[in-house]
Amino acid sequence: MQIQNNQGFTLIEILVSITIFSVAVLGLAIGTVTLTRTNADSQLRASAINVAQARLEELKAMNPATLTALVATCTSVSSSGCNDNFSASGLTYNRRWWFAANSPVVGVNRIDVKVDWTDHGSRTLTFTAAVPQ
């Protein structure tokens, strides 16, 4: 009588391989979610940078007298400077800017532009430029 040696996988071997495969797929899924969120955050941050940069360039292009008058008008309405809301990438960004004469040195004016937005948390970026008087 000859004993047959059936070769194949046992139930335990199959369960172990399914467990290893499941852990690997779960790791890939978590990586994909993280990558997607990081990509979305980068897009929103890039939009905020563009919004701030656009306002900063507009203000830098103004002559000092016009800029001073604009900031004086805004400051008389609100002590926190000028602000507006701007929509981009499906979000509304709150953009504020203010002006400091003779800062950081005499003969130079500083312009600060701050952009706030909320996605899955509160975000803020501040940009500063110096322009001659």
Protein backbone atom coordinates (compact mmCIF):
# COMPACT_ATOMS: atom_id res chain seq x y z
CA MET A 1 0.00 0.00 0.00
CA GLN A 2 1.38 3.36 -1.03
CA ILE A 3 0.78 6.52 1.00
CA GLN A 4 -0.12 9.50 -1.13
CA ASN A 5 1.56 12.74 -0.35
CA ASN A 6 -0.93 15.45 -1.34
CA GLN A 7 0.81 18.73 -1.56
CA GLY A 8 -1.16 21.89 -0.95
CA PHE A 9 -1.78 24.64 1.54
CA THR A 10 -3.13 24.13 4.98
CA LEU A 11 -5.83 26.33 6.42
CA ILE A 12 -3.35 27.97 8.78
CA GLU A 13 -0.99 28.88 5.92
CA ILE A 14 -3.88 30.47 4.02
CA LEU A 15 -5.02 32.47 7.06
CA VAL A 16 -1.48 33.74 7.69
CA SER A 17 -1.05 34.81 4.06
CA ILE A 18 -4.44 36.59 4.07
CA THR A 19 -3.48 38.41 7.27
CA ILE A 20 -0.15 39.56 5.79
CA PHE A 21 -1.88 40.69 2.59
CA SER A 22 -4.56 42.58 4.57
CA VAL A 23 -1.94 44.44 6.62
CA ALA A 24 -0.09 45.41 3.43
CA VAL A 25 -3.27 46.69 1.74
CA LEU A 26 -4.25 48.61 4.88
CA GLY A 27 -0.83 50.29 4.91
CA LEU A 28 -1.25 51.32 1.28
CA ALA A 29 -4.74 52.69 1.99
CA ILE A 30 -3.47 54.78 4.91
CA GLY A 31 -0.63 56.08 2.75
CA THR A 32 -3.08 57.04 0.00
CA VAL A 33 -5.33 58.94 2.42
CA THR A 34 -2.33 60.80 3.87
CA LEU A 35 -1.04 61.64 0.41
CA THR A 36 -4.47 62.92 -0.68
CA ARG A 37 -4.80 65.14 2.40
CA THR A 38 -1.27 66.50 1.96
CA ASN A 39 -2.00 67.28 -1.67
CA ALA A 40 -5.20 69.14 -0.74
CA ASP A 41 -3.37 71.08 2.00
CA SER A 42 -0.67 72.05 -0.49
CA GLN A 43 -3.25 73.30 -2.97
CA LEU A 44 -5.00 75.42 -0.32
CA ARG A 45 -1.67 76.81 0.93
CA ALA A 46 -0.66 77.67 -2.65
CA SER A 47 -3.96 79.51 -3.13
CA ALA A 48 -3.40 81.44 0.11
CA ILE A 49 0.11 82.38 -1.02
CA ASN A 50 -1.27 83.61 -4.35
CA VAL A 51 -4.00 85.64 -2.61
CA ALA A 52 -1.46 87.28 -0.27
CA GLN A 53 1.11 87.84 -3.00
CA ALA A 54 -1.47 89.50 -5.25
CA ARG A 55 -2.43 92.01 -2.54
CA LEU A 56 1.21 92.62 -1.61
CA GLU A 57 2.12 93.36 -5.23
CA GLU A 58 -0.85 95.74 -5.58
CA LEU A 59 0.20 97.61 -2.45
CA LYS A 60 3.86 97.73 -3.45
CA ALA A 61 2.88 99.21 -6.82
CA MET A 62 1.04 102.15 -5.16
CA ASN A 63 2.84 105.38 -4.56
CA PRO A 64 3.49 106.07 -0.86
CA ALA A 65 0.89 108.86 -0.58
CA THR A 66 -1.90 106.69 -2.02
CA LEU A 67 -0.88 103.78 0.21
CA THR A 68 -0.84 105.96 3.32
CA ALA A 69 -4.30 107.36 2.46
CA LEU A 70 -5.70 103.87 1.86
CA VAL A 71 -4.38 102.55 5.15
CA ALA A 72 -5.59 105.67 7.02
CA THR A 73 -9.08 105.13 5.58
CA CYS A 74 -9.12 101.46 6.62
CA THR A 75 -7.67 102.17 10.06
CA SER A 76 -10.37 104.76 10.76
CA VAL A 77 -12.96 102.02 10.19
CA SER A 78 -11.12 99.20 11.98
CA SER A 79 -8.10 99.25 14.27
CA SER A 80 -6.80 96.00 12.78
CA GLY A 81 -6.09 97.52 9.35
CA CYS A 82 -7.69 96.83 6.02
CA ASN A 83 -9.29 93.53 5.17
CA ASP A 84 -11.34 91.74 2.57
CA ASN A 85 -12.51 88.23 1.81
CA PHE A 86 -11.32 86.34 -1.21
CA SER A 87 -12.61 83.01 -2.57
CA ALA A 88 -10.25 80.54 -4.19
CA SER A 89 -10.03 76.73 -4.36
CA GLY A 90 -13.50 76.39 -2.86
CA LEU A 91 -12.62 78.27 0.35
CA THR A 92 -12.99 81.83 1.56
CA TYR A 93 -9.76 83.45 2.66
CA ASN A 94 -9.77 86.45 5.02
CA ARG A 95 -7.02 88.79 3.88
CA ARG A 96 -5.80 91.64 6.11
CA TRP A 97 -3.04 94.14 5.49
CA TRP A 98 -1.48 97.03 7.33
CA PHE A 99 1.25 99.54 6.84
CA ALA A 100 4.03 100.73 9.19
CA ALA A 101 5.86 103.95 8.30
CA ASN A 102 9.58 104.17 8.97
CA SER A 103 9.83 100.51 9.82
CA PRO A 104 12.23 98.72 10.01
CA VAL A 105 14.34 101.85 9.39
CA VAL A 106 13.68 105.51 8.63
CA GLY A 107 12.78 106.03 4.98
CA VAL A 108 11.36 102.52 4.54
CA ASN A 109 7.74 101.46 4.99
CA ARG A 110 6.72 97.95 5.93
CA ILE A 111 3.63 96.29 4.46
CA ASP A 112 2.24 93.17 6.14
CA VAL A 113 -0.38 90.95 4.52
CA LYS A 114 -1.99 88.22 6.60
CA VAL A 115 -4.22 85.51 5.15
CA ASP A 116 -6.45 83.33 7.36
CA TRP A 117 -8.56 80.37 6.29
CA THR A 118 -10.15 77.30 7.82
CA ASP A 119 -10.17 73.88 6.22
CA HIS A 120 -9.80 71.05 8.74
CA GLY A 121 -8.02 73.48 11.06
CA SER A 122 -7.26 77.20 11.36
CA ARG A 123 -4.44 78.32 9.08
CA THR A 124 -2.56 81.63 8.85
CA LEU A 125 0.17 82.96 6.59
CA THR A 126 1.80 86.38 6.94
CA PHE A 127 3.92 88.08 4.28
CA THR A 128 5.99 91.22 4.76
CA ALA A 129 7.54 93.58 2.24
CA ALA A 130 9.56 96.75 2.61
CA VAL A 131 9.09 99.67 0.22
CA PRO A 132 10.89 103.01 0.10
CA GLN A 133 8.98 106.12 1.16
